Amino acid sequence: MTTEKILKELKSVLLAWIYFLIWFAALMLIKVLLLEEYNIKFSGVSVVIIGSLVASKAVVILQNVSFGGKNQPAIVHIFLRTLLYLAGTAILMLLEHAFETRHEFGGFWNAIKNLGKSASFYHVIVNVICVFGALFFYNFGSVIKTKLGKGGLMELLISPIEK
């Protein structure tokens, strides 16, 4: 690999990482604020940093995967990518949840069978909803960037509105 390719890859992962870091940090902030009401301490900074890094690298890699159908509308492309990424994320979150509750249910397989019975299962659902938003708007932004070109969105946003 050339230095130029490595720098391009690092830049794309860094930008995606910052994007997902902001989304996941906002989710963590919402959790902290909600749990503070019940005097429950929550800290997940390392999970936010590592999770956003993994998500950004996965998304950057999967952007090179073609879904076929060259004549499909952009919204179909956005939803297909979002749902594919979300399915992988949801599976990983559910497996992580089962791993964390394995002692409560007497083993990993029993924890998988009882995924919906754990009190923290609702936190997994909230995480999936937040990740859906992050992935949808990331894919939406990718399509806009493709259609408008580099700097096209910023040019559109700073230009005056004509009436």
N, C-alpha and C. Protein backbone atom coordinates (compact mmCIF):
# COMPACT_ATOMS: atom_id res chain seq x y z
N MET A 1 0.83 -1.19 0.00
CA MET A 1 0.00 0.00 0.00
C MET A 1 0.88 1.25 0.00
N THR A 2 0.46 2.21 -0.74
CA THR A 2 1.21 3.45 -0.78
C THR A 2 0.83 4.34 0.39
N THR A 3 1.67 5.29 0.66
CA THR A 3 1.42 6.23 1.76
C THR A 3 0.14 7.02 1.51
N GLU A 4 -0.12 7.36 0.25
CA GLU A 4 -1.33 8.11 -0.11
C GLU A 4 -2.59 7.32 0.22
N LYS A 5 -2.59 6.01 -0.09
CA LYS A 5 -3.74 5.17 0.21
C LYS A 5 -3.95 5.03 1.71
N ILE A 6 -2.85 4.89 2.45
CA ILE A 6 -2.94 4.75 3.90
C ILE A 6 -3.52 6.02 4.51
N LEU A 7 -3.04 7.17 4.05
CA LEU A 7 -3.55 8.45 4.57
C LEU A 7 -5.02 8.65 4.23
N LYS A 8 -5.42 8.24 3.03
CA LYS A 8 -6.82 8.35 2.64
C LYS A 8 -7.69 7.46 3.52
N GLU A 9 -7.23 6.24 3.79
CA GLU A 9 -7.96 5.31 4.64
C GLU A 9 -8.07 5.85 6.07
N LEU A 10 -6.95 6.36 6.58
CA LEU A 10 -6.96 6.92 7.93
C LEU A 10 -7.91 8.11 8.04
N LYS A 11 -7.93 8.96 7.02
CA LYS A 11 -8.82 10.13 7.03
C LYS A 11 -10.28 9.69 7.01
N SER A 12 -10.61 8.71 6.17
CA SER A 12 -12.00 8.27 6.09
C SER A 12 -12.45 7.61 7.40
N VAL A 13 -11.57 6.81 8.00
CA VAL A 13 -11.92 6.17 9.28
C VAL A 13 -12.01 7.22 10.38
N LEU A 14 -11.11 8.20 10.38
CA LEU A 14 -11.13 9.24 11.41
C LEU A 14 -12.41 10.06 11.33
N LEU A 15 -12.81 10.45 10.14
CA LEU A 15 -14.03 11.24 10.00
C LEU A 15 -15.26 10.43 10.42
N ALA A 16 -15.32 9.16 10.01
CA ALA A 16 -16.43 8.30 10.41
C ALA A 16 -16.41 8.07 11.92
N TRP A 17 -15.21 7.91 12.49
CA TRP A 17 -15.09 7.70 13.92
C TRP A 17 -15.60 8.91 14.70
N ILE A 18 -15.25 10.10 14.27
CA ILE A 18 -15.73 11.31 14.94
C ILE A 18 -17.26 11.39 14.86
N TYR A 19 -17.80 11.06 13.70
CA TYR A 19 -19.26 11.07 13.51
C TYR A 19 -19.93 10.11 14.50
N PHE A 20 -19.48 8.85 14.52
CA PHE A 20 -20.10 7.87 15.41
C PHE A 20 -19.80 8.16 16.87
N LEU A 21 -18.65 8.73 17.16
CA LEU A 21 -18.32 9.10 18.53
C LEU A 21 -19.32 10.14 19.06
N ILE A 22 -19.68 11.10 18.23
CA ILE A 22 -20.66 12.11 18.62
C ILE A 22 -22.02 11.47 18.89
N TRP A 23 -22.46 10.59 18.01
CA TRP A 23 -23.75 9.91 18.19
C TRP A 23 -23.75 9.07 19.46
N PHE A 24 -22.72 8.26 19.64
CA PHE A 24 -22.69 7.35 20.79
C PHE A 24 -22.49 8.12 22.09
N ALA A 25 -21.73 9.20 22.05
CA ALA A 25 -21.56 10.04 23.24
C ALA A 25 -22.89 10.69 23.62
N ALA A 26 -23.66 11.10 22.62
CA ALA A 26 -24.98 11.68 22.91
C ALA A 26 -25.89 10.62 23.55
N LEU A 27 -25.84 9.39 23.07
CA LEU A 27 -26.62 8.32 23.66
C LEU A 27 -26.19 8.09 25.12
N MET A 28 -24.89 8.08 25.36
CA MET A 28 -24.40 7.88 26.71
C MET A 28 -24.84 9.03 27.62
N LEU A 29 -24.80 10.25 27.11
CA LEU A 29 -25.24 11.39 27.89
C LEU A 29 -26.72 11.26 28.26
N ILE A 30 -27.54 10.84 27.33
CA ILE A 30 -28.97 10.64 27.62
C ILE A 30 -29.14 9.58 28.70
N LYS A 31 -28.39 8.48 28.61
CA LYS A 31 -28.47 7.44 29.63
C LYS A 31 -28.03 7.97 31.00
N VAL A 32 -26.94 8.71 31.03
CA VAL A 32 -26.44 9.26 32.30
C VAL A 32 -27.49 10.18 32.91
N LEU A 33 -28.08 11.04 32.10
CA LEU A 33 -29.07 11.98 32.62
C LEU A 33 -30.33 11.26 33.11
N LEU A 34 -30.77 10.25 32.39
CA LEU A 34 -31.95 9.50 32.82
C LEU A 34 -31.67 8.69 34.09
N LEU A 35 -30.52 8.06 34.17
CA LEU A 35 -30.19 7.25 35.34
C LEU A 35 -29.88 8.10 36.56
N GLU A 36 -29.40 9.31 36.34
CA GLU A 36 -29.11 10.22 37.46
C GLU A 36 -30.38 10.52 38.25
N GLU A 37 -31.50 10.55 37.56
CA GLU A 37 -32.78 10.80 38.23
C GLU A 37 -33.06 9.74 39.30
N TYR A 38 -32.56 8.53 39.07
CA TYR A 38 -32.75 7.43 40.02
C TYR A 38 -31.51 7.17 40.87
N ASN A 39 -30.58 8.12 40.87
CA ASN A 39 -29.32 8.01 41.62
C ASN A 39 -28.53 6.76 41.26
N ILE A 40 -28.53 6.42 39.97
CA ILE A 40 -27.76 5.28 39.46
C ILE A 40 -26.59 5.85 38.68
N LYS A 41 -25.40 5.45 39.05
CA LYS A 41 -24.20 5.93 38.35
C LYS A 41 -23.96 5.06 37.12
N PHE A 42 -23.62 5.70 36.03
CA PHE A 42 -23.36 5.00 34.77
C PHE A 42 -22.12 5.60 34.14
N SER A 43 -21.25 4.74 33.70
CA SER A 43 -20.07 5.21 32.98
C SER A 43 -19.79 4.23 31.84
N GLY A 44 -19.63 4.77 30.68
CA GLY A 44 -19.39 3.91 29.53
C GLY A 44 -18.51 4.60 28.50
N VAL A 45 -17.61 5.43 28.96
CA VAL A 45 -16.77 6.20 28.03
C VAL A 45 -15.94 5.28 27.16
N SER A 46 -15.33 4.25 27.76
CA SER A 46 -14.49 3.34 26.97
C SER A 46 -15.32 2.58 25.95
N VAL A 47 -16.54 2.20 26.33
CA VAL A 47 -17.42 1.49 25.39
C VAL A 47 -17.79 2.40 24.23
N VAL A 48 -18.04 3.68 24.52
CA VAL A 48 -18.38 4.65 23.48
C VAL A 48 -17.22 4.82 22.50
N ILE A 49 -16.01 4.96 23.04
CA ILE A 49 -14.84 5.19 22.18
C ILE A 49 -14.56 3.96 21.33
N ILE A 50 -14.52 2.79 21.94
CA ILE A 50 -14.21 1.57 21.19
C ILE A 50 -15.35 1.21 20.24
N GLY A 51 -16.59 1.35 20.71
CA GLY A 51 -17.74 1.05 19.85
C GLY A 51 -17.80 1.92 18.62
N SER A 52 -17.52 3.21 18.81
CA SER A 52 -17.55 4.11 17.66
C SER A 52 -16.40 3.83 16.70
N LEU A 53 -15.26 3.41 17.23
CA LEU A 53 -14.13 3.06 16.36
C LEU A 53 -14.44 1.81 15.54
N VAL A 54 -15.01 0.80 16.19
CA VAL A 54 -15.38 -0.43 15.47
C VAL A 54 -16.45 -0.14 14.43
N ALA A 55 -17.47 0.64 14.82
CA ALA A 55 -18.54 0.98 13.87
C ALA A 55 -18.00 1.74 12.68
N SER A 56 -17.11 2.69 12.92
CA SER A 56 -16.58 3.49 11.81
C SER A 56 -15.77 2.64 10.85
N LYS A 57 -14.93 1.76 11.37
CA LYS A 57 -14.12 0.90 10.49
C LYS A 57 -15.01 -0.06 9.70
N ALA A 58 -16.02 -0.63 10.35
CA ALA A 58 -16.93 -1.54 9.65
C ALA A 58 -17.69 -0.82 8.55
N VAL A 59 -18.17 0.38 8.83
CA VAL A 59 -18.92 1.14 7.82
C VAL A 59 -18.03 1.53 6.65
N VAL A 60 -16.80 1.94 6.93
CA VAL A 60 -15.87 2.33 5.86
C VAL A 60 -15.57 1.12 4.98
N ILE A 61 -15.39 -0.04 5.58
CA ILE A 61 -15.12 -1.25 4.80
C ILE A 61 -16.35 -1.64 3.97
N LEU A 62 -17.53 -1.60 4.59
CA LEU A 62 -18.74 -2.04 3.90
C LEU A 62 -19.23 -1.05 2.84
N GLN A 63 -18.70 0.17 2.84
CA GLN A 63 -19.08 1.11 1.79
C GLN A 63 -18.61 0.63 0.42
N ASN A 64 -17.61 -0.23 0.40
CA ASN A 64 -17.09 -0.73 -0.87
C ASN A 64 -17.86 -1.94 -1.38
N VAL A 65 -18.82 -2.44 -0.60
CA VAL A 65 -19.62 -3.58 -1.01
C VAL A 65 -20.79 -3.09 -1.85
N SER A 66 -20.98 -3.70 -3.00
CA SER A 66 -22.08 -3.32 -3.88
C SER A 66 -23.31 -4.18 -3.58
N PHE A 67 -24.47 -3.56 -3.63
CA PHE A 67 -25.72 -4.29 -3.44
C PHE A 67 -26.40 -4.61 -4.75
N GLY A 68 -25.69 -4.48 -5.85
CA GLY A 68 -26.29 -4.74 -7.15
C GLY A 68 -27.26 -3.62 -7.51
N GLY A 69 -28.20 -3.92 -8.37
CA GLY A 69 -29.27 -2.98 -8.70
C GLY A 69 -28.81 -1.55 -8.92
N LYS A 70 -28.23 -1.26 -10.07
CA LYS A 70 -27.71 0.08 -10.33
C LYS A 70 -28.81 1.11 -10.53
N ASN A 71 -30.01 0.68 -10.86
CA ASN A 71 -31.10 1.62 -11.13
C ASN A 71 -32.04 1.80 -9.95
N GLN A 72 -31.63 1.36 -8.76
CA GLN A 72 -32.50 1.52 -7.60
C GLN A 72 -32.45 2.96 -7.09
N PRO A 73 -33.55 3.44 -6.55
CA PRO A 73 -33.57 4.80 -6.01
C PRO A 73 -32.60 4.93 -4.83
N ALA A 74 -32.15 6.14 -4.59
CA ALA A 74 -31.19 6.39 -3.52
C ALA A 74 -31.74 5.98 -2.16
N ILE A 75 -33.03 6.21 -1.93
CA ILE A 75 -33.61 5.88 -0.62
C ILE A 75 -33.58 4.37 -0.38
N VAL A 76 -33.74 3.58 -1.42
CA VAL A 76 -33.64 2.12 -1.28
C VAL A 76 -32.21 1.74 -0.91
N HIS A 77 -31.26 2.35 -1.57
CA HIS A 77 -29.85 2.12 -1.26
C HIS A 77 -29.55 2.47 0.20
N ILE A 78 -30.05 3.61 0.65
CA ILE A 78 -29.82 4.07 2.02
C ILE A 78 -30.42 3.08 3.01
N PHE A 79 -31.68 2.67 2.80
CA PHE A 79 -32.33 1.75 3.73
C PHE A 79 -31.70 0.36 3.70
N LEU A 80 -31.32 -0.12 2.53
CA LEU A 80 -30.67 -1.44 2.47
C LEU A 80 -29.38 -1.45 3.26
N ARG A 81 -28.55 -0.44 3.05
CA ARG A 81 -27.29 -0.35 3.79
C ARG A 81 -27.54 -0.20 5.29
N THR A 82 -28.47 0.67 5.63
CA THR A 82 -28.76 0.90 7.04
C THR A 82 -29.25 -0.37 7.71
N LEU A 83 -30.17 -1.07 7.07
CA LEU A 83 -30.70 -2.30 7.66
C LEU A 83 -29.66 -3.41 7.73
N LEU A 84 -28.79 -3.49 6.74
CA LEU A 84 -27.71 -4.49 6.79
C LEU A 84 -26.77 -4.20 7.95
N TYR A 85 -26.32 -2.97 8.06
CA TYR A 85 -25.42 -2.59 9.15
C TYR A 85 -26.11 -2.76 10.50
N LEU A 86 -27.39 -2.38 10.56
CA LEU A 86 -28.13 -2.47 11.81
C LEU A 86 -28.33 -3.92 12.24
N ALA A 87 -28.57 -4.80 11.28
CA ALA A 87 -28.74 -6.22 11.62
C ALA A 87 -27.46 -6.76 12.28
N GLY A 88 -26.33 -6.45 11.70
CA GLY A 88 -25.06 -6.89 12.30
C GLY A 88 -24.86 -6.29 13.67
N THR A 89 -25.16 -5.02 13.83
CA THR A 89 -25.01 -4.34 15.11
C THR A 89 -25.95 -4.93 16.16
N ALA A 90 -27.20 -5.16 15.77
CA ALA A 90 -28.18 -5.71 16.72
C ALA A 90 -27.78 -7.10 17.18
N ILE A 91 -27.30 -7.92 16.26
CA ILE A 91 -26.85 -9.27 16.63
C ILE A 91 -25.70 -9.19 17.61
N LEU A 92 -24.73 -8.33 17.34
CA LEU A 92 -23.60 -8.17 18.26
C LEU A 92 -24.05 -7.66 19.63
N MET A 93 -24.98 -6.70 19.64
CA MET A 93 -25.47 -6.17 20.91
C MET A 93 -26.21 -7.24 21.71
N LEU A 94 -27.02 -8.04 21.03
CA LEU A 94 -27.76 -9.10 21.72
C LEU A 94 -26.82 -10.17 22.25
N LEU A 95 -25.81 -10.52 21.47
CA LEU A 95 -24.83 -11.49 21.96
C LEU A 95 -24.04 -10.95 23.15
N GLU A 96 -23.69 -9.66 23.09
CA GLU A 96 -23.00 -9.03 24.21
C GLU A 96 -23.89 -9.03 25.45
N HIS A 97 -25.17 -8.72 25.27
CA HIS A 97 -26.11 -8.72 26.38
C HIS A 97 -26.24 -10.13 26.98
N ALA A 98 -26.31 -11.14 26.12
CA ALA A 98 -26.40 -12.51 26.61
C ALA A 98 -25.13 -12.89 27.37
N PHE A 99 -23.99 -12.45 26.88
CA PHE A 99 -22.73 -12.74 27.57
C PHE A 99 -22.69 -12.08 28.94
N GLU A 100 -23.18 -10.85 29.02
CA GLU A 100 -23.18 -10.12 30.29
C GLU A 100 -24.15 -10.72 31.30
N THR A 101 -25.25 -11.32 30.84
CA THR A 101 -26.26 -11.87 31.76
C THR A 101 -26.16 -13.39 31.89
N ARG A 102 -25.11 -13.99 31.41
CA ARG A 102 -24.99 -15.45 31.45
C ARG A 102 -25.01 -16.02 32.87
N HIS A 103 -24.48 -15.28 33.84
CA HIS A 103 -24.48 -15.76 35.23
C HIS A 103 -25.88 -15.71 35.82
N GLU A 104 -26.64 -14.71 35.41
CA GLU A 104 -28.00 -14.54 35.90
C GLU A 104 -28.92 -15.68 35.46
N PHE A 105 -28.65 -16.22 34.25
CA PHE A 105 -29.52 -17.26 33.70
C PHE A 105 -28.88 -18.64 33.67
N GLY A 106 -27.70 -18.79 34.25
CA GLY A 106 -27.08 -20.10 34.33
C GLY A 106 -26.42 -20.57 33.05
N GLY A 107 -25.81 -19.68 32.31
CA GLY A 107 -25.09 -20.04 31.10
C GLY A 107 -25.45 -19.15 29.93
N PHE A 108 -24.55 -19.19 28.95
CA PHE A 108 -24.70 -18.32 27.77
C PHE A 108 -25.94 -18.69 26.96
N TRP A 109 -26.16 -19.99 26.71
CA TRP A 109 -27.30 -20.41 25.88
C TRP A 109 -28.62 -20.10 26.56
N ASN A 110 -28.68 -20.26 27.88
CA ASN A 110 -29.90 -19.89 28.60
C ASN A 110 -30.12 -18.38 28.56
N ALA A 111 -29.03 -17.62 28.60
CA ALA A 111 -29.15 -16.17 28.49
C ALA A 111 -29.69 -15.77 27.12
N ILE A 112 -29.26 -16.47 26.08
CA ILE A 112 -29.78 -16.18 24.73
C ILE A 112 -31.27 -16.50 24.66
N LYS A 113 -31.67 -17.62 25.27
CA LYS A 113 -33.09 -18.00 25.27
C LYS A 113 -33.95 -17.00 26.03
N ASN A 114 -33.37 -16.34 27.02
CA ASN A 114 -34.12 -15.42 27.88
C ASN A 114 -33.74 -13.96 27.65
N LEU A 115 -33.38 -13.61 26.43
CA LEU A 115 -32.93 -12.24 26.13
C LEU A 115 -33.95 -11.18 26.55
N GLY A 116 -35.21 -11.41 26.32
CA GLY A 116 -36.23 -10.41 26.61
C GLY A 116 -36.61 -10.30 28.07
N LYS A 117 -36.12 -11.22 28.91
CA LYS A 117 -36.52 -11.24 30.32
C LYS A 117 -35.62 -10.41 31.22
N SER A 118 -34.52 -9.93 30.71
CA SER A 118 -33.59 -9.15 31.51
C SER A 118 -34.04 -7.69 31.54
N ALA A 119 -33.87 -7.05 32.69
CA ALA A 119 -34.27 -5.64 32.83
C ALA A 119 -33.47 -4.74 31.90
N SER A 120 -32.21 -5.08 31.65
CA SER A 120 -31.37 -4.22 30.81
C SER A 120 -31.58 -4.48 29.31
N PHE A 121 -32.49 -5.38 28.97
CA PHE A 121 -32.80 -5.64 27.56
C PHE A 121 -33.32 -4.38 26.89
N TYR A 122 -34.04 -3.56 27.65
CA TYR A 122 -34.59 -2.32 27.09
C TYR A 122 -33.47 -1.35 26.72
N HIS A 123 -32.37 -1.42 27.42
CA HIS A 123 -31.22 -0.59 27.08
C HIS A 123 -30.65 -1.01 25.72
N VAL A 124 -30.69 -2.31 25.45
CA VAL A 124 -30.24 -2.81 24.15
C VAL A 124 -31.14 -2.25 23.05
N ILE A 125 -32.45 -2.24 23.28
CA ILE A 125 -33.40 -1.71 22.30
C ILE A 125 -33.14 -0.23 22.05
N VAL A 126 -32.90 0.54 23.12
CA VAL A 126 -32.59 1.97 22.97
C VAL A 126 -31.31 2.14 22.17
N ASN A 127 -30.30 1.32 22.45
CA ASN A 127 -29.04 1.40 21.71
C ASN A 127 -29.26 1.11 20.23
N VAL A 128 -30.08 0.11 19.92
CA VAL A 128 -30.36 -0.24 18.52
C VAL A 128 -31.06 0.91 17.81
N ILE A 129 -31.99 1.56 18.49
CA ILE A 129 -32.70 2.71 17.90
C ILE A 129 -31.72 3.85 17.61
N CYS A 130 -30.84 4.13 18.56
CA CYS A 130 -29.86 5.20 18.37
C CYS A 130 -28.89 4.86 17.24
N VAL A 131 -28.44 3.61 17.20
CA VAL A 131 -27.51 3.19 16.15
C VAL A 131 -28.20 3.26 14.78
N PHE A 132 -29.50 2.94 14.73
CA PHE A 132 -30.24 3.07 13.48
C PHE A 132 -30.17 4.51 12.98
N GLY A 133 -30.41 5.48 13.88
CA GLY A 133 -30.34 6.89 13.48
C GLY A 133 -28.96 7.26 12.99
N ALA A 134 -27.94 6.82 13.71
CA ALA A 134 -26.56 7.13 13.31
C ALA A 134 -26.24 6.54 11.95
N LEU A 135 -26.61 5.29 11.73
CA LEU A 135 -26.32 4.63 10.46
C LEU A 135 -27.14 5.24 9.31
N PHE A 136 -28.42 5.52 9.58
CA PHE A 136 -29.26 6.10 8.53
C PHE A 136 -28.70 7.43 8.05
N PHE A 137 -28.38 8.31 8.99
CA PHE A 137 -27.88 9.63 8.59
C PHE A 137 -26.47 9.56 8.01
N TYR A 138 -25.69 8.58 8.42
CA TYR A 138 -24.37 8.39 7.80
C TYR A 138 -24.54 7.98 6.34
N ASN A 139 -25.42 7.01 6.09
CA ASN A 139 -25.66 6.56 4.71
C ASN A 139 -26.33 7.65 3.88
N PHE A 140 -27.23 8.40 4.50
CA PHE A 140 -27.88 9.53 3.83
C PHE A 140 -26.83 10.56 3.42
N GLY A 141 -25.93 10.88 4.33
CA GLY A 141 -24.85 11.83 4.03
C GLY A 141 -23.92 11.34 2.94
N SER A 142 -23.67 10.02 2.92
CA SER A 142 -22.82 9.44 1.87
C SER A 142 -23.45 9.61 0.49
N VAL A 143 -24.76 9.40 0.42
CA VAL A 143 -25.45 9.57 -0.86
C VAL A 143 -25.45 11.04 -1.28
N ILE A 144 -25.68 11.93 -0.34
CA ILE A 144 -25.66 13.36 -0.65
C ILE A 144 -24.28 13.78 -1.13
N LYS A 145 -23.24 13.29 -0.45
CA LYS A 145 -21.88 13.62 -0.85
C LYS A 145 -21.59 13.10 -2.26
N THR A 146 -22.08 11.91 -2.58
CA THR A 146 -21.88 11.36 -3.91
C THR A 146 -22.59 12.21 -4.97
N LYS A 147 -23.81 12.64 -4.66
CA LYS A 147 -24.59 13.42 -5.64
C LYS A 147 -24.09 14.87 -5.79
N LEU A 148 -23.67 15.49 -4.68
CA LEU A 148 -23.27 16.89 -4.74
C LEU A 148 -21.77 17.08 -4.95
N GLY A 149 -21.00 16.05 -4.72
CA GLY A 149 -19.55 16.16 -4.86
C GLY A 149 -18.91 16.70 -3.60
N LYS A 150 -17.58 16.70 -3.61
CA LYS A 150 -16.83 17.15 -2.43
C LYS A 150 -17.09 18.64 -2.20
N GLY A 151 -17.50 18.98 -0.99
CA GLY A 151 -17.77 20.36 -0.63
C GLY A 151 -19.13 20.86 -1.09
N GLY A 152 -19.88 20.04 -1.80
CA GLY A 152 -21.17 20.46 -2.34
C GLY A 152 -22.21 20.72 -1.27
N LEU A 153 -22.21 19.90 -0.21
CA LEU A 153 -23.17 20.09 0.87
C LEU A 153 -22.87 21.38 1.63
N MET A 154 -21.61 21.62 1.91
CA MET A 154 -21.24 22.85 2.63
C MET A 154 -21.59 24.07 1.79
N GLU A 155 -21.35 24.00 0.51
CA GLU A 155 -21.69 25.11 -0.38
C GLU A 155 -23.20 25.34 -0.36
N LEU A 156 -23.97 24.27 -0.37
CA LEU A 156 -25.42 24.39 -0.32
C LEU A 156 -25.88 25.00 1.01
N LEU A 157 -25.26 24.61 2.10
CA LEU A 157 -25.67 25.10 3.42
C LEU A 157 -25.30 26.56 3.68
N ILE A 158 -24.21 27.03 3.10
CA ILE A 158 -23.80 28.42 3.34
C ILE A 158 -24.36 29.38 2.31
N SER A 159 -24.97 28.87 1.27
CA SER A 159 -25.55 29.77 0.26
C SER A 159 -26.88 30.32 0.75
N PRO A 160 -27.19 31.56 0.37
CA PRO A 160 -28.46 32.17 0.83
C PRO A 160 -29.66 31.48 0.17
N ILE A 161 -30.76 31.49 0.88
CA ILE A 161 -32.00 30.90 0.36
C ILE A 161 -32.68 31.96 -0.51
N GLU A 162 -33.02 31.54 -1.71
CA GLU A 162 -33.72 32.46 -2.61
C GLU A 162 -35.20 32.27 -2.48
N LYS A 163 -35.90 33.38 -2.43
CA LYS A 163 -37.37 33.31 -2.30
C LYS A 163 -38.03 33.80 -3.54
